[in-house]
Amino acid sequence: IGTIVSLGIIIGPTLGGVLIEYLSWHWIFFVNLPVGIVGTLMAWRFVPNFKPVGRQRFDYWGAATLCISLLALLLALTWGQQVGFTAPSVLLLFSVWLVFLIGFLFIETRTKQPMIDLRIFKNILFSVNLVTGFTTFVSIAGVFILLPFYLEDVLGYNTQQVGFLLAVIPIGLGTFAPIAGALSDRFGTRPITVLGLVILLGGYIALTGLSTETTTWSYVLRLLPIGIGMGIFQSPNNSAIMGSVPRERLGVASGLLSITRTLGQTVGIAILGALWASRTMLYTGQFLAGGATAAPSSAQVAGLHDTFIAVTVLVFLGLALSVWGLIKERSLQAQVTMPQTNV
């Protein structure tokens, strides 16, 4: 699965760069129409229709409050980048998000058939995997939103070249995802996720050394460990999440995994983008009408350096949490396999 997903990620930036270079940005959206139609037809034809066992009432109130909460959060994070996160409209959206989130949690703890059974979070290993995955999605979103500015504004690559250079991460991910799957089947998911996070951390540390003089090969060698680390981490982590819940909760676990990925990417784009812009403007020393992208190359690189330091700290926290999960998992396994003594 990781390889197929990576193939799509490789084609996306590369094709997008070609379309922008030779046509216009509108074609990035037009090209999705036939892809969406084909995907819909294939899902209708090949995805099996498993009927649920037993009768399950749909949690309308839970779904409504969660939908409003997530919509308010996404709008706040998006608009906050344009008007500032302290703007009254953005603060109002954050308030709506918080109120409806509390309402959702209240409903889910009291309904007989909740949309998300919150007791699933009592599974410590499940929660650890979910939070760790969130940190990686935040970090990778920062890379994909910031590096195009660096490659175009600082190093001077054109749009098509940027598309090819962004494919370094998915190439590494797609190459090592199947290997990680085989290794996790042999050694378990937890040690492999830790290994992936270690490599990922090394890649982000390397990115803090980007400069105005970075060569193409230096860029590729710095970025490749991020793709390799994500490839080694993602498949075992997803497998661990799905494997830590009972069969009847697989749908809930899959939904939470999707929410975590979407929120992680959205939060990463908003927060890391805002952090880079603010640090770049600080190093510029003056307000620029064109924003951070109009700043001198040295200021943009300095802002990028600070941002990737923050990303490195975030990934390190995810690694520490994953190591704790590994220790916890080994402890639980030792308790289960401990021989029973006769009294």
Protein backbone atom coordinates (compact mmCIF):
# COMPACT_ATOMS: atom_id res chain seq x y z
CA ILE A 1 0.00 0.00 0.00
CA GLY A 2 2.81 2.38 0.91
CA THR A 3 4.42 1.87 -2.50
CA ILE A 4 1.19 2.59 -4.38
CA VAL A 5 0.52 5.70 -2.30
CA SER A 6 4.08 6.88 -2.91
CA LEU A 7 3.64 6.40 -6.65
CA GLY A 8 0.74 8.83 -6.53
CA ILE A 9 2.77 11.30 -4.47
CA ILE A 10 5.64 11.08 -6.97
CA ILE A 11 3.39 11.69 -9.96
CA GLY A 12 1.53 14.56 -8.25
CA PRO A 13 4.32 17.14 -7.74
CA THR A 14 6.10 16.12 -10.94
CA LEU A 15 3.00 16.38 -13.12
CA GLY A 16 1.96 19.54 -11.28
CA GLY A 17 5.28 21.18 -12.06
CA VAL A 18 4.95 20.31 -15.75
CA LEU A 19 1.36 21.61 -15.91
CA ILE A 20 2.26 24.92 -14.25
CA GLU A 21 5.37 25.33 -16.40
CA TYR A 22 3.66 24.75 -19.76
CA LEU A 23 -0.06 25.41 -19.15
CA SER A 24 -1.42 27.13 -16.02
CA TRP A 25 -2.18 26.36 -12.39
CA HIS A 26 -5.85 25.77 -13.31
CA TRP A 27 -4.88 22.46 -14.90
CA ILE A 28 -3.77 21.10 -11.53
CA PHE A 29 -7.46 20.96 -10.66
CA PHE A 30 -8.80 20.05 -14.11
CA VAL A 31 -6.62 16.94 -14.26
CA ASN A 32 -8.24 15.64 -11.08
CA LEU A 33 -11.65 15.32 -12.73
CA PRO A 34 -10.91 12.23 -14.87
CA VAL A 35 -8.80 10.75 -12.06
CA GLY A 36 -11.69 11.14 -9.62
CA ILE A 37 -14.18 9.63 -12.06
CA VAL A 38 -11.95 6.61 -12.72
CA GLY A 39 -11.32 6.15 -8.99
CA THR A 40 -15.04 6.28 -8.22
CA LEU A 41 -15.86 3.69 -10.90
CA MET A 42 -13.07 1.38 -9.71
CA ALA A 43 -14.23 1.64 -6.10
CA TRP A 44 -17.80 0.86 -7.15
CA ARG A 45 -16.63 -2.15 -9.15
CA PHE A 46 -13.91 -3.71 -7.00
CA VAL A 47 -14.38 -2.68 -3.35
CA PRO A 48 -16.33 -5.50 -1.64
CA ASN A 49 -19.60 -4.62 0.04
CA PHE A 50 -19.31 -6.11 3.52
CA LYS A 51 -22.60 -5.94 5.38
CA PRO A 52 -22.32 -5.08 9.08
CA VAL A 53 -23.03 -7.77 11.63
CA GLY A 54 -25.95 -6.70 13.80
CA ARG A 55 -27.81 -3.41 13.75
CA GLN A 56 -25.87 -0.21 14.31
CA ARG A 57 -27.66 3.09 14.74
CA PHE A 58 -25.88 6.04 13.19
CA ASP A 59 -24.72 8.64 15.70
CA TYR A 60 -26.16 11.74 14.03
CA TRP A 61 -25.47 14.15 16.90
CA GLY A 62 -21.92 12.91 17.30
CA ALA A 63 -21.26 13.17 13.57
CA ALA A 64 -22.72 16.69 13.41
CA THR A 65 -20.70 18.06 16.34
CA LEU A 66 -17.48 16.44 15.09
CA CYS A 67 -18.02 17.78 11.58
CA ILE A 68 -18.61 21.33 12.81
CA SER A 69 -15.64 21.10 15.17
CA LEU A 70 -13.21 19.90 12.49
CA LEU A 71 -14.54 22.38 9.93
CA ALA A 72 -14.04 25.27 12.35
CA LEU A 73 -10.51 24.10 13.14
CA LEU A 74 -9.53 23.75 9.48
CA LEU A 75 -10.95 27.18 8.65
CA ALA A 76 -9.18 28.76 11.62
CA LEU A 77 -5.84 27.25 10.63
CA THR A 78 -6.32 28.30 7.00
CA TRP A 79 -7.55 31.85 7.58
CA GLY A 80 -5.07 32.37 10.38
CA GLN A 81 -2.25 32.26 7.84
CA GLN A 82 -3.86 35.12 5.90
CA VAL A 83 -5.19 37.48 8.60
CA GLY A 84 -3.19 36.36 11.63
CA PHE A 85 -4.06 33.87 14.36
CA THR A 86 -5.08 36.64 16.77
CA ALA A 87 -7.71 38.11 14.42
CA PRO A 88 -11.23 38.14 15.98
CA SER A 89 -12.69 35.92 13.25
CA VAL A 90 -9.96 33.32 13.72
CA LEU A 91 -10.31 33.38 17.51
CA LEU A 92 -14.06 32.91 17.07
CA LEU A 93 -13.45 29.86 14.89
CA PHE A 94 -11.08 28.39 17.47
CA SER A 95 -13.79 28.96 20.10
CA VAL A 96 -16.37 27.18 17.93
CA TRP A 97 -13.93 24.31 17.48
CA LEU A 98 -13.39 23.97 21.23
CA VAL A 99 -17.09 24.22 22.15
CA PHE A 100 -18.21 21.63 19.62
CA LEU A 101 -15.29 19.35 20.46
CA ILE A 102 -16.37 19.37 24.10
CA GLY A 103 -19.93 18.75 22.95
CA PHE A 104 -18.78 15.82 20.81
CA LEU A 105 -16.90 14.25 23.72
CA PHE A 106 -19.94 14.75 25.97
CA ILE A 107 -22.23 13.02 23.46
CA GLU A 108 -19.84 10.13 22.78
CA THR A 109 -19.50 9.28 26.48
CA ARG A 110 -23.27 9.04 26.93
CA THR A 111 -24.71 7.50 23.78
CA LYS A 112 -25.15 3.72 23.61
CA GLN A 113 -23.77 3.42 20.10
CA PRO A 114 -21.18 6.20 19.66
CA MET A 115 -19.57 7.04 16.35
CA ILE A 116 -16.18 6.86 18.09
CA ASP A 117 -15.96 4.68 21.16
CA LEU A 118 -13.61 6.78 23.30
CA ARG A 119 -12.70 3.71 25.34
CA ILE A 120 -10.44 2.79 22.44
CA PHE A 121 -7.97 5.40 23.70
CA LYS A 122 -7.51 3.41 26.91
CA ASN A 123 -5.33 1.17 24.75
CA ILE A 124 -2.01 2.87 25.48
CA LEU A 125 -0.16 1.40 22.51
CA PHE A 126 -2.94 2.45 20.13
CA SER A 127 -2.82 6.02 21.47
CA VAL A 128 1.00 6.13 21.28
CA ASN A 129 0.98 5.03 17.64
CA LEU A 130 -1.71 7.58 16.78
CA VAL A 131 0.11 10.50 18.44
CA THR A 132 3.45 9.48 16.94
CA GLY A 133 1.87 9.32 13.50
CA PHE A 134 0.43 12.79 14.05
CA THR A 135 3.90 14.24 14.71
CA THR A 136 5.27 12.74 11.49
CA PHE A 137 2.35 14.09 9.43
CA VAL A 138 2.90 17.57 10.89
CA SER A 139 6.61 17.43 10.08
CA ILE A 140 6.25 16.12 6.53
CA ALA A 141 3.63 18.78 5.74
CA GLY A 142 6.16 21.42 6.72
CA VAL A 143 8.65 20.00 4.23
CA PHE A 144 6.24 19.97 1.31
CA ILE A 145 4.94 23.50 1.98
CA LEU A 146 8.32 25.19 2.62
CA LEU A 147 10.80 23.51 0.29
CA PRO A 148 9.17 24.78 -2.94
CA PHE A 149 9.81 28.37 -1.77
CA TYR A 150 13.41 27.48 -0.96
CA LEU A 151 14.02 25.69 -4.25
CA GLU A 152 12.49 28.47 -6.39
CA ASP A 153 13.29 31.68 -4.50
CA VAL A 154 16.70 30.76 -3.07
CA LEU A 155 18.22 28.17 -5.40
CA GLY A 156 16.51 29.41 -8.56
CA TYR A 157 14.96 26.19 -9.89
CA ASN A 158 11.96 26.46 -12.20
CA THR A 159 8.56 24.95 -11.40
CA GLN A 160 9.15 21.75 -13.35
CA GLN A 161 12.49 21.12 -11.66
CA VAL A 162 10.92 21.73 -8.24
CA GLY A 163 8.31 19.08 -9.02
CA PHE A 164 11.03 16.53 -9.78
CA LEU A 165 13.09 17.47 -6.71
CA LEU A 166 10.08 17.08 -4.40
CA ALA A 167 9.74 13.50 -5.64
CA VAL A 168 12.82 12.50 -3.61
CA ILE A 169 10.76 11.83 -0.47
CA PRO A 170 8.07 9.62 -2.06
CA ILE A 171 10.74 7.70 -3.99
CA GLY A 172 12.46 6.83 -0.72
CA LEU A 173 9.12 6.10 0.93
CA GLY A 174 7.90 3.85 -1.86
CA THR A 175 11.19 1.95 -2.05
CA PHE A 176 11.47 1.17 1.65
CA ALA A 177 7.79 0.71 2.60
CA PRO A 178 7.66 -2.93 1.36
CA ILE A 179 10.98 -3.66 3.08
CA ALA A 180 9.63 -2.22 6.32
CA GLY A 181 6.53 -4.40 6.02
CA ALA A 182 8.64 -7.53 5.69
CA LEU A 183 10.89 -6.51 8.59
CA SER A 184 7.92 -5.76 10.85
CA ASP A 185 6.48 -9.21 10.13
CA ARG A 186 9.75 -10.69 11.37
CA PHE A 187 10.78 -8.39 14.21
CA GLY A 188 7.49 -6.74 15.19
CA THR A 189 6.11 -3.32 14.35
CA ARG A 190 7.47 -1.33 17.29
CA PRO A 191 11.25 -1.76 16.70
CA ILE A 192 10.81 -0.92 13.02
CA THR A 193 8.82 2.24 13.75
CA VAL A 194 11.57 3.36 16.13
CA LEU A 195 14.17 2.71 13.42
CA GLY A 196 12.15 4.74 10.93
CA LEU A 197 11.87 7.66 13.35
CA VAL A 198 15.62 7.61 14.01
CA ILE A 199 16.32 7.88 10.27
CA LEU A 200 13.61 10.53 9.92
CA LEU A 201 15.16 12.53 12.74
CA GLY A 202 18.55 12.36 11.01
CA GLY A 203 16.99 13.73 7.82
CA TYR A 204 15.48 16.73 9.59
CA ILE A 205 18.75 17.45 11.36
CA ALA A 206 20.40 17.45 7.92
CA LEU A 207 17.80 19.91 6.60
CA THR A 208 18.84 22.46 9.22
CA GLY A 209 22.08 22.76 7.23
CA LEU A 210 20.47 23.98 3.99
CA SER A 211 22.04 27.18 2.70
CA THR A 212 22.04 29.53 -0.27
CA GLU A 213 24.90 27.48 -1.75
CA THR A 214 23.36 24.00 -1.41
CA THR A 215 23.92 21.88 -4.52
CA THR A 216 21.36 19.56 -6.08
CA TRP A 217 23.09 16.43 -4.80
CA SER A 218 23.51 17.90 -1.34
CA TYR A 219 19.78 18.65 -1.29
CA VAL A 220 18.90 15.13 -2.45
CA LEU A 221 21.16 13.48 0.14
CA ARG A 222 19.62 15.58 2.90
CA LEU A 223 16.06 14.86 1.83
CA LEU A 224 16.39 11.14 1.04
CA PRO A 225 16.58 10.03 4.73
CA ILE A 226 13.20 11.68 5.30
CA GLY A 227 11.63 9.56 2.58
CA ILE A 228 13.40 6.42 3.80
CA GLY A 229 12.42 7.14 7.40
CA MET A 230 8.79 7.74 6.49
CA GLY A 231 8.74 4.56 4.43
CA ILE A 232 10.15 2.49 7.28
CA PHE A 233 7.90 4.13 9.89
CA GLN A 234 4.55 4.53 8.20
CA SER A 235 3.58 0.99 7.18
CA PRO A 236 4.43 -0.69 10.53
CA ASN A 237 2.82 2.16 12.46
CA ASN A 238 -0.41 1.89 10.48
CA SER A 239 -0.32 -1.87 10.93
CA ALA A 240 0.19 -1.46 14.68
CA ILE A 241 -2.77 0.92 14.92
CA MET A 242 -5.10 -1.43 13.04
CA GLY A 243 -3.78 -4.49 14.85
CA SER A 244 -4.24 -3.10 18.35
CA VAL A 245 -8.04 -2.88 18.20
CA PRO A 246 -10.69 -5.62 18.01
CA ARG A 247 -12.19 -6.47 14.63
CA GLU A 248 -15.46 -4.67 15.31
CA ARG A 249 -13.51 -1.42 15.91
CA LEU A 250 -11.42 -1.51 12.72
CA GLY A 251 -13.66 1.05 11.05
CA VAL A 252 -13.24 3.46 13.96
CA ALA A 253 -9.47 2.94 14.01
CA SER A 254 -9.25 3.53 10.26
CA GLY A 255 -11.30 6.71 10.59
CA LEU A 256 -9.12 8.02 13.41
CA LEU A 257 -6.02 7.28 11.35
CA SER A 258 -7.43 9.32 8.46
CA ILE A 259 -8.38 12.20 10.77
CA THR A 260 -4.91 12.15 12.31
CA ARG A 261 -3.28 12.31 8.88
CA THR A 262 -5.52 15.15 7.66
CA LEU A 263 -5.22 17.19 10.85
CA GLY A 264 -1.48 16.61 11.03
CA GLN A 265 -0.95 17.88 7.52
CA THR A 266 -3.27 20.85 8.04
CA VAL A 267 -1.69 21.82 11.35
CA GLY A 268 1.78 21.36 9.87
CA ILE A 269 1.07 23.62 6.90
CA ALA A 270 -0.52 26.32 9.06
CA ILE A 271 1.82 26.37 12.05
CA LEU A 272 5.12 25.69 10.31
CA GLY A 273 4.25 28.03 7.46
CA ALA A 274 3.43 30.79 9.93
CA LEU A 275 6.59 30.06 11.92
CA TRP A 276 8.79 30.27 8.82
CA ALA A 277 7.13 33.50 7.68
CA SER A 278 7.49 35.17 11.08
CA ARG A 279 11.13 34.12 11.52
CA THR A 280 11.98 35.20 7.97
CA MET A 281 10.42 38.63 8.51
CA LEU A 282 12.30 38.93 11.81
CA TYR A 283 15.62 38.30 10.06
CA THR A 284 14.64 40.74 7.31
CA GLY A 285 14.23 43.48 9.91
CA GLN A 286 11.41 45.24 8.10
CA PHE A 287 7.89 44.68 6.80
CA LEU A 288 7.69 43.56 3.17
CA ALA A 289 4.50 43.98 1.15
CA GLY A 290 5.25 40.75 -0.71
CA GLY A 291 5.55 38.76 2.51
CA ALA A 292 8.27 36.29 3.44
CA THR A 293 8.75 35.12 -0.15
CA ALA A 294 9.92 38.63 -1.06
CA ALA A 295 12.62 38.56 1.63
CA PRO A 296 16.33 38.21 0.76
CA SER A 297 17.58 34.66 0.29
CA SER A 298 19.69 34.81 3.45
CA ALA A 299 16.66 35.74 5.56
CA GLN A 300 14.54 32.97 4.01
CA VAL A 301 17.23 30.39 4.72
CA ALA A 302 17.63 31.62 8.31
CA GLY A 303 13.87 31.31 8.83
CA LEU A 304 13.95 27.85 7.28
CA HIS A 305 16.77 26.86 9.64
CA ASP A 306 14.74 27.87 12.71
CA THR A 307 11.63 26.13 11.41
CA PHE A 308 13.43 22.84 10.80
CA ILE A 309 14.93 23.02 14.28
CA ALA A 310 11.35 23.13 15.60
CA VAL A 311 10.43 20.19 13.36
CA THR A 312 13.46 18.26 14.61
CA VAL A 313 12.34 18.78 18.21
CA LEU A 314 8.83 17.59 17.32
CA VAL A 315 10.12 14.41 15.65
CA PHE A 316 12.44 13.79 18.60
CA LEU A 317 9.42 13.92 20.93
CA GLY A 318 7.66 11.42 18.67
CA LEU A 319 10.73 9.19 18.79
CA ALA A 320 10.88 9.41 22.60
CA LEU A 321 7.19 8.48 22.79
CA SER A 322 7.73 5.54 20.43
CA VAL A 323 10.70 4.29 22.48
CA TRP A 324 8.53 4.49 25.60
CA GLY A 325 5.88 2.50 23.74
CA LEU A 326 8.49 -0.12 22.84
CA ILE A 327 9.52 -0.46 26.49
CA LYS A 328 5.86 -0.63 27.55
CA GLU A 329 5.11 -3.27 24.92
CA ARG A 330 8.05 -5.43 26.01
CA SER A 331 6.91 -5.09 29.62
CA LEU A 332 3.38 -6.23 28.76
CA GLN A 333 4.72 -9.15 26.73
CA ALA A 334 6.93 -10.20 29.65
CA GLN A 335 3.92 -10.19 31.97
CA VAL A 336 1.89 -12.31 29.56
CA THR A 337 4.65 -14.89 29.02
CA MET A 338 5.68 -15.04 32.68
CA PRO A 339 5.31 -18.65 33.83
CA GLN A 340 2.57 -19.22 36.37
CA THR A 341 3.74 -20.64 39.68
CA ASN A 342 1.70 -23.15 41.57
CA VAL A 343 0.56 -22.05 44.97
